[in-house]
């Protein structure tokens, strides 16, 4: 009976730790350079061609928390060449019905540090339903802006354990602790 119990506990722990084998990037960096939407680089959204200029990364099926990490991108107004301001925003696209915005692309800041610190606590929880690509890009909601700074933003990616795996892991620990308690109690 004890051997059977140990095997069950071991299987639960293995299942709980199996999430560490998932394939996903630790960080995602988006290049924020574009020039009046005619000279867009990878990571900048083209509204006329869906995600043509977005870049994709492979994620296995799972739940991911993507949070603000570093950087900011600067935008300039055509009407005022001196009117530069900084933003932190990253669009995350799974499909037409699952498009997420991390940060804020409408609130401008006077410095890159201010843009980063204002958004520092923000994150989005994304469920990848099957193995496949997720697209990342910057989308400036005001097409009159011209960003010539070549800046970039980086987001951190964390795998969120599935509830079943976490439950099995905790259950395995509880059973081990209970077994140890009962063994000590019998000795006394």
N, C-alpha and C. Protein backbone atom coordinates (compact mmCIF):
# COMPACT_ATOMS: atom_id res chain seq x y z
N UNK A 1 0.82 -1.20 0.00
CA UNK A 1 0.00 0.00 0.00
C UNK A 1 0.87 1.27 0.00
N UNK A 2 1.95 1.23 0.81
CA UNK A 2 2.82 2.40 0.88
C UNK A 2 3.48 2.68 -0.47
N UNK A 3 3.92 1.61 -1.14
CA UNK A 3 4.56 1.79 -2.44
C UNK A 3 3.59 2.39 -3.45
N UNK A 4 2.35 1.91 -3.41
CA UNK A 4 1.33 2.43 -4.32
C UNK A 4 1.10 3.91 -4.06
N UNK A 5 1.04 4.29 -2.78
CA UNK A 5 0.84 5.69 -2.41
C UNK A 5 2.01 6.56 -2.88
N UNK A 6 3.22 6.04 -2.73
CA UNK A 6 4.40 6.80 -3.15
C UNK A 6 4.40 7.00 -4.67
N UNK A 7 3.98 5.98 -5.41
CA UNK A 7 3.91 6.08 -6.87
C UNK A 7 2.89 7.14 -7.28
N UNK A 8 1.73 7.15 -6.64
CA UNK A 8 0.70 8.15 -6.94
C UNK A 8 1.21 9.56 -6.65
N UNK A 9 1.88 9.72 -5.52
CA UNK A 9 2.42 11.03 -5.16
C UNK A 9 3.47 11.48 -6.17
N UNK A 10 4.34 10.57 -6.56
CA UNK A 10 5.39 10.89 -7.53
C UNK A 10 4.78 11.31 -8.87
N UNK A 11 3.74 10.62 -9.30
CA UNK A 11 3.07 10.98 -10.56
C UNK A 11 2.45 12.37 -10.47
N UNK A 12 1.87 12.69 -9.33
CA UNK A 12 1.29 14.02 -9.14
C UNK A 12 2.35 15.11 -9.20
N UNK A 13 3.50 14.86 -8.57
CA UNK A 13 4.59 15.84 -8.59
C UNK A 13 5.14 16.00 -10.01
N UNK A 14 5.30 14.89 -10.72
CA UNK A 14 5.79 14.96 -12.11
C UNK A 14 4.83 15.75 -12.98
N UNK A 15 3.54 15.51 -12.82
CA UNK A 15 2.54 16.25 -13.59
C UNK A 15 2.59 17.73 -13.26
N UNK A 16 2.80 18.06 -11.98
CA UNK A 16 2.89 19.46 -11.57
C UNK A 16 4.11 20.17 -12.12
N UNK A 17 5.20 19.44 -12.25
CA UNK A 17 6.44 20.04 -12.75
C UNK A 17 6.55 19.99 -14.27
N UNK A 18 5.64 19.30 -14.93
CA UNK A 18 5.74 19.14 -16.38
C UNK A 18 5.59 20.45 -17.14
N UNK A 19 4.99 21.46 -16.50
CA UNK A 19 4.83 22.75 -17.16
C UNK A 19 6.17 23.39 -17.52
N UNK A 20 7.23 23.02 -16.82
CA UNK A 20 8.52 23.65 -17.07
C UNK A 20 9.07 23.29 -18.45
N UNK A 21 8.50 22.30 -19.13
CA UNK A 21 8.99 21.90 -20.44
C UNK A 21 8.33 22.68 -21.57
N UNK A 22 7.44 23.60 -21.26
CA UNK A 22 6.72 24.35 -22.29
C UNK A 22 7.69 25.20 -23.11
N UNK A 23 7.37 25.35 -24.40
CA UNK A 23 8.18 26.21 -25.28
C UNK A 23 7.52 27.57 -25.38
N UNK A 24 8.21 28.58 -24.87
CA UNK A 24 7.72 29.96 -24.98
C UNK A 24 8.89 30.89 -24.68
N UNK A 25 8.87 32.09 -25.23
CA UNK A 25 9.98 33.03 -24.97
C UNK A 25 9.84 33.65 -23.58
N UNK A 26 10.98 33.96 -22.95
CA UNK A 26 10.94 34.64 -21.65
C UNK A 26 10.58 36.11 -21.80
N UNK A 27 11.01 36.71 -22.93
CA UNK A 27 10.76 38.12 -23.18
C UNK A 27 10.36 38.31 -24.64
N UNK A 28 9.54 39.34 -24.89
CA UNK A 28 9.15 39.72 -26.25
C UNK A 28 9.52 41.19 -26.43
N UNK A 29 10.33 41.50 -27.45
CA UNK A 29 10.72 42.88 -27.72
C UNK A 29 10.15 43.31 -29.06
N UNK A 30 9.47 44.44 -29.07
CA UNK A 30 8.86 44.98 -30.28
C UNK A 30 9.62 46.24 -30.70
N UNK A 31 10.03 46.29 -31.96
CA UNK A 31 10.69 47.47 -32.51
C UNK A 31 9.62 48.51 -32.82
N UNK A 32 9.79 49.72 -32.30
CA UNK A 32 8.76 50.74 -32.45
C UNK A 32 8.99 51.75 -33.55
N UNK A 33 9.83 51.45 -34.54
CA UNK A 33 10.15 52.45 -35.56
C UNK A 33 9.12 52.46 -36.68
N UNK A 34 8.59 53.61 -36.99
CA UNK A 34 7.85 53.78 -38.24
C UNK A 34 7.88 55.26 -38.63
N UNK A 35 7.64 55.51 -39.88
CA UNK A 35 7.72 56.87 -40.39
C UNK A 35 6.47 57.14 -41.23
N UNK A 36 5.53 57.86 -40.66
CA UNK A 36 4.26 58.22 -41.29
C UNK A 36 3.56 57.02 -41.92
N UNK A 37 3.71 55.86 -41.30
CA UNK A 37 3.06 54.61 -41.70
C UNK A 37 3.49 54.12 -43.08
N UNK A 38 4.50 54.76 -43.69
CA UNK A 38 4.93 54.29 -45.00
C UNK A 38 6.24 53.52 -44.92
N UNK A 39 6.93 53.65 -43.80
CA UNK A 39 8.22 52.99 -43.64
C UNK A 39 8.18 52.19 -42.33
N UNK A 40 7.34 51.19 -42.29
CA UNK A 40 7.12 50.45 -41.05
C UNK A 40 8.07 49.28 -40.94
N UNK A 41 8.54 49.04 -39.73
CA UNK A 41 9.41 47.90 -39.49
C UNK A 41 8.62 46.79 -38.80
N UNK A 42 9.26 45.64 -38.63
CA UNK A 42 8.57 44.54 -37.95
C UNK A 42 8.14 44.99 -36.56
N UNK A 43 6.95 44.61 -36.19
CA UNK A 43 6.43 45.00 -34.89
C UNK A 43 5.55 46.22 -34.94
N UNK A 44 5.32 46.78 -36.13
CA UNK A 44 4.42 47.92 -36.28
C UNK A 44 3.23 47.51 -37.12
N UNK A 45 2.06 47.78 -36.62
CA UNK A 45 0.82 47.32 -37.25
C UNK A 45 0.48 48.12 -38.50
N UNK A 46 0.12 47.42 -39.55
CA UNK A 46 -0.35 48.06 -40.78
C UNK A 46 -1.86 47.88 -40.85
N UNK A 47 -2.65 48.94 -40.67
CA UNK A 47 -4.11 48.79 -40.61
C UNK A 47 -4.72 48.29 -41.92
N UNK A 48 -3.99 48.46 -43.02
CA UNK A 48 -4.54 48.03 -44.31
C UNK A 48 -4.22 46.58 -44.63
N UNK A 49 -3.34 45.98 -43.85
CA UNK A 49 -2.91 44.62 -44.17
C UNK A 49 -2.87 43.74 -42.92
N UNK A 50 -3.80 43.99 -42.01
CA UNK A 50 -3.95 43.21 -40.78
C UNK A 50 -2.62 43.09 -40.04
N UNK A 51 -2.09 41.89 -39.85
CA UNK A 51 -0.87 41.74 -39.04
C UNK A 51 0.37 41.59 -39.92
N UNK A 52 0.36 42.17 -41.11
CA UNK A 52 1.48 41.98 -42.04
C UNK A 52 2.82 42.40 -41.45
N UNK A 53 2.84 43.48 -40.69
CA UNK A 53 4.10 43.96 -40.13
C UNK A 53 4.30 43.55 -38.67
N UNK A 54 3.35 42.85 -38.13
CA UNK A 54 3.55 42.31 -36.80
C UNK A 54 4.48 41.10 -36.91
N UNK A 55 5.16 40.76 -35.83
CA UNK A 55 5.97 39.56 -35.88
C UNK A 55 5.38 38.54 -34.92
N UNK A 56 5.58 37.27 -35.22
CA UNK A 56 4.96 36.23 -34.41
C UNK A 56 6.02 35.40 -33.70
N UNK A 57 5.60 34.79 -32.58
CA UNK A 57 6.46 33.89 -31.83
C UNK A 57 5.64 32.67 -31.46
N UNK A 58 6.31 31.52 -31.40
CA UNK A 58 5.63 30.26 -31.11
C UNK A 58 5.40 30.09 -29.61
N UNK A 59 4.16 29.72 -29.26
CA UNK A 59 3.79 29.42 -27.88
C UNK A 59 3.07 28.08 -27.86
N UNK A 60 3.45 27.20 -26.95
CA UNK A 60 2.68 25.98 -26.77
C UNK A 60 1.37 26.32 -26.08
N UNK A 61 0.44 25.39 -26.17
CA UNK A 61 -0.87 25.55 -25.50
C UNK A 61 -0.63 25.81 -24.02
N UNK A 62 -1.30 26.82 -23.49
CA UNK A 62 -1.13 27.14 -22.08
C UNK A 62 -1.68 28.52 -21.76
N UNK A 63 -1.52 28.90 -20.49
CA UNK A 63 -1.96 30.21 -20.02
C UNK A 63 -0.71 31.01 -19.68
N UNK A 64 -0.63 32.24 -20.21
CA UNK A 64 0.56 33.07 -20.05
C UNK A 64 0.19 34.44 -19.49
N UNK A 65 1.05 34.93 -18.57
CA UNK A 65 0.92 36.30 -18.09
C UNK A 65 2.02 37.10 -18.78
N UNK A 66 1.62 38.14 -19.52
CA UNK A 66 2.58 38.99 -20.22
C UNK A 66 2.53 40.37 -19.56
N UNK A 67 3.69 40.83 -19.09
CA UNK A 67 3.72 42.07 -18.31
C UNK A 67 4.75 43.05 -18.88
N UNK A 68 4.56 44.32 -18.56
CA UNK A 68 5.47 45.38 -18.98
C UNK A 68 6.83 45.13 -18.34
N UNK A 69 7.91 45.22 -19.14
CA UNK A 69 9.24 45.00 -18.58
C UNK A 69 10.14 46.23 -18.74
N UNK A 70 10.36 46.69 -19.97
CA UNK A 70 11.26 47.82 -20.15
C UNK A 70 10.97 48.56 -21.45
N UNK A 71 11.61 49.71 -21.60
CA UNK A 71 11.51 50.48 -22.83
C UNK A 71 10.27 51.35 -22.91
N UNK A 72 10.19 52.09 -24.00
CA UNK A 72 9.04 52.93 -24.33
C UNK A 72 9.24 53.34 -25.77
N UNK A 73 8.19 53.81 -26.41
CA UNK A 73 8.36 54.30 -27.78
C UNK A 73 7.88 55.73 -27.87
N UNK A 74 8.56 56.51 -28.69
CA UNK A 74 8.29 57.94 -28.78
C UNK A 74 7.58 58.26 -30.08
N UNK A 75 6.67 59.22 -30.02
CA UNK A 75 5.92 59.61 -31.20
C UNK A 75 5.96 61.11 -31.35
N UNK A 76 5.99 61.59 -32.59
CA UNK A 76 6.02 63.03 -32.86
C UNK A 76 4.82 63.44 -33.69
N UNK A 77 4.38 64.64 -33.48
CA UNK A 77 3.27 65.18 -34.26
C UNK A 77 3.81 65.90 -35.49
N UNK A 78 3.14 65.73 -36.63
CA UNK A 78 3.54 66.43 -37.85
C UNK A 78 3.38 67.94 -37.70
N UNK A 79 2.39 68.36 -36.91
CA UNK A 79 2.10 69.79 -36.78
C UNK A 79 3.16 70.51 -35.95
N UNK A 80 3.81 69.80 -35.08
CA UNK A 80 4.79 70.43 -34.20
C UNK A 80 6.00 69.51 -34.10
N UNK A 81 7.07 69.84 -34.80
CA UNK A 81 8.26 68.98 -34.84
C UNK A 81 8.89 68.82 -33.46
N UNK A 82 8.64 69.75 -32.56
CA UNK A 82 9.22 69.66 -31.22
C UNK A 82 8.30 68.93 -30.24
N UNK A 83 7.15 68.53 -30.69
CA UNK A 83 6.18 67.93 -29.78
C UNK A 83 6.35 66.44 -29.62
N UNK A 84 7.45 66.01 -29.04
CA UNK A 84 7.66 64.57 -28.84
C UNK A 84 7.06 64.13 -27.51
N UNK A 85 6.59 62.92 -27.47
CA UNK A 85 6.06 62.35 -26.24
C UNK A 85 6.24 60.85 -26.29
N UNK A 86 6.16 60.21 -25.12
CA UNK A 86 6.49 58.80 -24.99
C UNK A 86 5.26 57.99 -24.58
N UNK A 87 5.20 56.76 -25.09
CA UNK A 87 4.10 55.85 -24.77
C UNK A 87 4.66 54.45 -24.49
N UNK A 88 3.90 53.66 -23.77
CA UNK A 88 4.22 52.24 -23.60
C UNK A 88 2.97 51.45 -23.97
N UNK A 89 3.02 50.75 -25.08
CA UNK A 89 1.89 49.90 -25.47
C UNK A 89 2.36 48.78 -26.39
N UNK A 90 1.78 47.63 -26.22
CA UNK A 90 2.07 46.48 -27.07
C UNK A 90 0.75 45.76 -27.35
N UNK A 91 0.46 45.54 -28.62
CA UNK A 91 -0.72 44.78 -29.00
C UNK A 91 -0.35 43.31 -29.12
N UNK A 92 -1.23 42.45 -28.66
CA UNK A 92 -1.01 41.00 -28.70
C UNK A 92 -2.22 40.39 -29.39
N UNK A 93 -1.97 39.70 -30.48
CA UNK A 93 -3.04 39.24 -31.37
C UNK A 93 -3.00 37.72 -31.49
N UNK A 94 -4.11 37.06 -31.08
CA UNK A 94 -4.25 35.62 -31.29
C UNK A 94 -5.10 35.36 -32.52
N UNK A 95 -6.25 36.02 -32.58
CA UNK A 95 -7.14 35.95 -33.73
C UNK A 95 -8.06 37.17 -33.67
N UNK A 96 -8.99 37.25 -34.62
CA UNK A 96 -9.83 38.45 -34.72
C UNK A 96 -10.61 38.75 -33.44
N UNK A 97 -10.96 37.73 -32.68
CA UNK A 97 -11.75 37.96 -31.46
C UNK A 97 -10.89 38.02 -30.20
N UNK A 98 -9.58 37.83 -30.33
CA UNK A 98 -8.68 37.85 -29.16
C UNK A 98 -7.49 38.76 -29.47
N UNK A 99 -7.71 40.06 -29.29
CA UNK A 99 -6.68 41.06 -29.53
C UNK A 99 -6.52 41.86 -28.24
N UNK A 100 -5.34 41.79 -27.61
CA UNK A 100 -5.13 42.40 -26.30
C UNK A 100 -4.22 43.61 -26.42
N UNK A 101 -4.41 44.58 -25.52
CA UNK A 101 -3.53 45.74 -25.45
C UNK A 101 -2.87 45.76 -24.08
N UNK A 102 -1.55 45.71 -24.09
CA UNK A 102 -0.78 45.81 -22.85
C UNK A 102 -0.22 47.23 -22.79
N UNK A 103 -0.54 47.97 -21.74
CA UNK A 103 -0.14 49.36 -21.64
C UNK A 103 -1.22 50.26 -22.20
N UNK A 104 -0.84 51.48 -22.56
CA UNK A 104 -1.82 52.46 -23.02
C UNK A 104 -1.22 53.24 -24.19
N UNK A 105 -1.88 53.20 -25.35
CA UNK A 105 -1.35 53.91 -26.52
C UNK A 105 -2.05 55.24 -26.77
N UNK A 106 -2.77 55.75 -25.77
CA UNK A 106 -3.44 57.04 -25.93
C UNK A 106 -2.94 58.07 -24.91
N UNK A 107 -2.40 57.64 -23.78
CA UNK A 107 -1.91 58.57 -22.75
C UNK A 107 -0.42 58.80 -22.98
N UNK A 108 -0.05 60.04 -23.28
CA UNK A 108 1.35 60.36 -23.56
C UNK A 108 2.07 60.82 -22.30
N UNK A 109 3.40 60.64 -22.30
CA UNK A 109 4.24 61.01 -21.16
C UNK A 109 5.41 61.84 -21.66
N UNK A 110 5.96 62.67 -20.78
CA UNK A 110 7.03 63.57 -21.20
C UNK A 110 8.38 62.88 -21.32
N UNK A 111 8.58 61.74 -20.63
CA UNK A 111 9.84 61.01 -20.72
C UNK A 111 9.57 59.52 -20.88
N UNK A 112 10.59 58.80 -21.36
CA UNK A 112 10.47 57.35 -21.50
C UNK A 112 10.33 56.69 -20.13
N UNK A 113 11.07 57.19 -19.13
CA UNK A 113 11.00 56.62 -17.78
C UNK A 113 9.60 56.76 -17.19
N UNK A 114 8.98 57.90 -17.45
CA UNK A 114 7.62 58.13 -16.95
C UNK A 114 6.63 57.18 -17.62
N UNK A 115 6.79 56.97 -18.93
CA UNK A 115 5.90 56.04 -19.65
C UNK A 115 6.05 54.64 -19.11
N UNK A 116 7.30 54.23 -18.83
CA UNK A 116 7.54 52.89 -18.30
C UNK A 116 6.99 52.74 -16.89
N UNK A 117 7.29 53.70 -16.01
CA UNK A 117 6.87 53.58 -14.61
C UNK A 117 5.35 53.63 -14.47
N UNK A 118 4.68 54.39 -15.33
CA UNK A 118 3.21 54.47 -15.27
C UNK A 118 2.57 53.14 -15.63
N UNK A 119 3.22 52.39 -16.52
CA UNK A 119 2.65 51.12 -16.98
C UNK A 119 3.29 49.91 -16.32
N UNK A 120 4.22 50.14 -15.39
CA UNK A 120 5.04 49.05 -14.85
C UNK A 120 4.24 47.91 -14.21
N UNK A 121 3.11 48.20 -13.61
CA UNK A 121 2.35 47.15 -12.94
C UNK A 121 1.35 46.44 -13.83
N UNK A 122 1.29 46.79 -15.10
CA UNK A 122 0.25 46.25 -15.97
C UNK A 122 0.64 44.90 -16.57
N UNK A 123 -0.35 44.03 -16.72
CA UNK A 123 -0.13 42.73 -17.36
C UNK A 123 -1.44 42.24 -17.95
N UNK A 124 -1.34 41.29 -18.85
CA UNK A 124 -2.53 40.65 -19.42
C UNK A 124 -2.36 39.15 -19.30
N UNK A 125 -3.47 38.47 -19.08
CA UNK A 125 -3.49 37.01 -18.99
C UNK A 125 -4.04 36.48 -20.31
N UNK A 126 -3.26 35.64 -20.98
CA UNK A 126 -3.63 35.16 -22.31
C UNK A 126 -3.69 33.64 -22.30
N UNK A 127 -4.77 33.09 -22.82
CA UNK A 127 -4.90 31.64 -22.96
C UNK A 127 -4.64 31.27 -24.40
N UNK A 128 -3.58 30.49 -24.62
CA UNK A 128 -3.27 29.98 -25.95
C UNK A 128 -3.97 28.62 -26.07
N UNK A 129 -5.05 28.53 -26.86
CA UNK A 129 -5.87 27.31 -26.88
C UNK A 129 -5.19 26.09 -27.49
N UNK A 130 -4.20 26.32 -28.36
CA UNK A 130 -3.47 25.22 -29.00
C UNK A 130 -2.08 25.71 -29.36
N UNK A 131 -1.16 24.79 -29.63
CA UNK A 131 0.18 25.19 -30.05
C UNK A 131 0.08 26.07 -31.29
N UNK A 132 0.83 27.17 -31.30
CA UNK A 132 0.80 28.04 -32.46
C UNK A 132 1.43 29.39 -32.19
N UNK A 133 1.31 30.28 -33.15
CA UNK A 133 1.94 31.59 -33.06
C UNK A 133 1.03 32.63 -32.42
N UNK A 134 1.66 33.58 -31.72
CA UNK A 134 0.99 34.77 -31.21
C UNK A 134 1.71 35.95 -31.84
N UNK A 135 0.95 36.97 -32.31
CA UNK A 135 1.52 38.12 -32.99
C UNK A 135 1.65 39.29 -32.02
N UNK A 136 2.74 40.06 -32.17
CA UNK A 136 3.02 41.22 -31.31
C UNK A 136 3.30 42.42 -32.21
N UNK A 137 2.73 43.57 -31.84
CA UNK A 137 2.96 44.76 -32.66
C UNK A 137 2.59 46.02 -31.88
N UNK A 138 2.98 47.16 -32.44
CA UNK A 138 2.61 48.46 -31.91
C UNK A 138 1.59 49.07 -32.87
N UNK A 139 0.54 49.63 -32.33
CA UNK A 139 -0.49 50.26 -33.15
C UNK A 139 -0.72 51.67 -32.64
N UNK A 140 -0.30 52.66 -33.41
CA UNK A 140 -0.52 54.06 -33.05
C UNK A 140 -1.94 54.44 -33.48
N UNK A 141 -2.81 54.81 -32.55
CA UNK A 141 -4.19 55.11 -32.92
C UNK A 141 -4.34 56.41 -33.69
N UNK A 142 -3.32 57.26 -33.69
CA UNK A 142 -3.39 58.53 -34.39
C UNK A 142 -2.45 58.49 -35.59
N UNK A 143 -2.99 58.37 -36.79
CA UNK A 143 -2.17 58.19 -37.99
C UNK A 143 -1.40 59.45 -38.37
N UNK A 144 -1.63 60.57 -37.67
CA UNK A 144 -0.89 61.80 -37.99
C UNK A 144 0.47 61.83 -37.31
N UNK A 145 0.76 60.83 -36.50
CA UNK A 145 2.03 60.85 -35.79
C UNK A 145 3.14 60.23 -36.63
N UNK A 146 4.36 60.64 -36.29
CA UNK A 146 5.53 60.16 -37.01
C UNK A 146 6.58 59.79 -35.98
N UNK A 147 6.90 58.52 -35.87
CA UNK A 147 7.85 58.06 -34.87
C UNK A 147 9.19 57.77 -35.55
N UNK A 148 10.18 58.58 -35.29
CA UNK A 148 11.48 58.43 -35.93
C UNK A 148 12.57 58.01 -34.96
N UNK A 149 12.21 57.49 -33.81
CA UNK A 149 13.21 57.27 -32.78
C UNK A 149 13.77 55.85 -32.74
N UNK A 150 13.17 54.94 -33.46
CA UNK A 150 13.69 53.58 -33.48
C UNK A 150 13.72 52.92 -32.11
N UNK A 151 12.82 53.32 -31.24
CA UNK A 151 12.81 52.79 -29.88
C UNK A 151 12.11 51.44 -29.85
N UNK A 152 12.23 50.73 -28.75
CA UNK A 152 11.59 49.43 -28.63
C UNK A 152 11.06 49.23 -27.22
N UNK A 153 10.15 48.29 -27.09
CA UNK A 153 9.57 47.96 -25.79
C UNK A 153 9.69 46.45 -25.59
N UNK A 154 9.84 46.05 -24.34
CA UNK A 154 10.01 44.64 -24.01
C UNK A 154 9.00 44.23 -22.95
N UNK A 155 8.38 43.09 -23.17
CA UNK A 155 7.43 42.53 -22.20
C UNK A 155 7.96 41.20 -21.69
N UNK A 156 7.67 40.90 -20.45
CA UNK A 156 8.10 39.64 -19.83
C UNK A 156 6.97 38.62 -19.93
N UNK A 157 7.31 37.36 -20.23
CA UNK A 157 6.32 36.30 -20.38
C UNK A 157 6.50 35.29 -19.26
N UNK A 158 5.41 34.97 -18.56
CA UNK A 158 5.45 33.98 -17.48
C UNK A 158 4.36 32.95 -17.73
N UNK A 159 4.74 31.68 -17.66
CA UNK A 159 3.76 30.60 -17.81
C UNK A 159 2.97 30.48 -16.51
N UNK A 160 1.66 30.50 -16.61
CA UNK A 160 0.79 30.34 -15.44
C UNK A 160 0.43 28.86 -15.34
N UNK A 161 0.75 28.21 -14.22
CA UNK A 161 0.44 26.77 -14.11
C UNK A 161 -1.06 26.51 -14.25
N UNK A 162 -1.38 25.41 -14.92
CA UNK A 162 -2.78 25.02 -15.04
C UNK A 162 -3.31 24.63 -13.67
N UNK A 163 -4.59 24.91 -13.39
CA UNK A 163 -5.15 24.59 -12.06
C UNK A 163 -5.02 23.12 -11.69
N UNK A 164 -5.20 22.22 -12.66
CA UNK A 164 -5.12 20.78 -12.36
C UNK A 164 -3.71 20.40 -11.94
N UNK A 165 -2.71 20.88 -12.67
CA UNK A 165 -1.32 20.57 -12.34
C UNK A 165 -0.96 21.13 -10.97
N UNK A 166 -1.38 22.37 -10.71
CA UNK A 166 -1.10 22.97 -9.40
C UNK A 166 -1.77 22.18 -8.29
N UNK A 167 -3.00 21.75 -8.52
CA UNK A 167 -3.73 20.98 -7.51
C UNK A 167 -3.04 19.66 -7.23
N UNK A 168 -2.59 18.98 -8.28
CA UNK A 168 -1.88 17.72 -8.10
C UNK A 168 -0.59 17.93 -7.31
N UNK A 169 0.12 19.00 -7.62
CA UNK A 169 1.37 19.29 -6.92
C UNK A 169 1.11 19.53 -5.43
N UNK A 170 0.12 20.35 -5.13
CA UNK A 170 -0.23 20.65 -3.73
C UNK A 170 -0.72 19.40 -3.02
N UNK A 171 -1.57 18.62 -3.71
CA UNK A 171 -2.08 17.38 -3.12
C UNK A 171 -0.95 16.42 -2.78
N UNK A 172 0.04 16.32 -3.69
CA UNK A 172 1.19 15.46 -3.43
C UNK A 172 1.94 15.90 -2.18
N UNK A 173 2.12 17.22 -2.02
CA UNK A 173 2.80 17.73 -0.84
C UNK A 173 2.02 17.48 0.43
N UNK A 174 0.69 17.64 0.36
CA UNK A 174 -0.16 17.40 1.54
C UNK A 174 -0.11 15.93 1.95
N UNK A 175 -0.16 15.04 0.97
CA UNK A 175 -0.10 13.60 1.28
C UNK A 175 1.24 13.24 1.90
N UNK A 176 2.32 13.78 1.37
CA UNK A 176 3.64 13.51 1.95
C UNK A 176 3.74 14.02 3.39
N UNK A 177 3.23 15.23 3.62
CA UNK A 177 3.25 15.80 4.97
C UNK A 177 2.38 14.98 5.91
N UNK A 178 1.21 14.56 5.43
CA UNK A 178 0.33 13.74 6.26
C UNK A 178 0.95 12.40 6.59
N UNK A 179 1.59 11.80 5.62
CA UNK A 179 2.25 10.50 5.85
C UNK A 179 3.34 10.63 6.91
N UNK A 180 4.12 11.71 6.80
CA UNK A 180 5.18 11.92 7.78
C UNK A 180 4.60 12.14 9.18
N UNK A 181 3.51 12.89 9.25
CA UNK A 181 2.86 13.15 10.54
C UNK A 181 2.40 11.85 11.18
N UNK A 182 1.74 10.98 10.39
CA UNK A 182 1.24 9.72 10.93
C UNK A 182 2.37 8.80 11.36
N UNK A 183 3.48 8.81 10.63
CA UNK A 183 4.63 7.99 11.03
C UNK A 183 5.20 8.45 12.35
N UNK A 184 5.31 9.74 12.55
CA UNK A 184 5.80 10.29 13.82
C UNK A 184 4.84 9.97 14.96
N UNK A 185 3.57 10.03 14.68
CA UNK A 185 2.55 9.79 15.71
C UNK A 185 2.59 8.32 16.16
N UNK A 186 2.83 7.42 15.21
CA UNK A 186 2.88 5.98 15.56
C UNK A 186 4.09 5.68 16.42
N UNK A 187 5.20 6.39 16.20
CA UNK A 187 6.40 6.14 16.97
C UNK A 187 6.25 6.56 18.44
N UNK A 188 5.40 7.53 18.69
CA UNK A 188 5.23 8.04 20.06
C UNK A 188 4.32 7.19 20.88
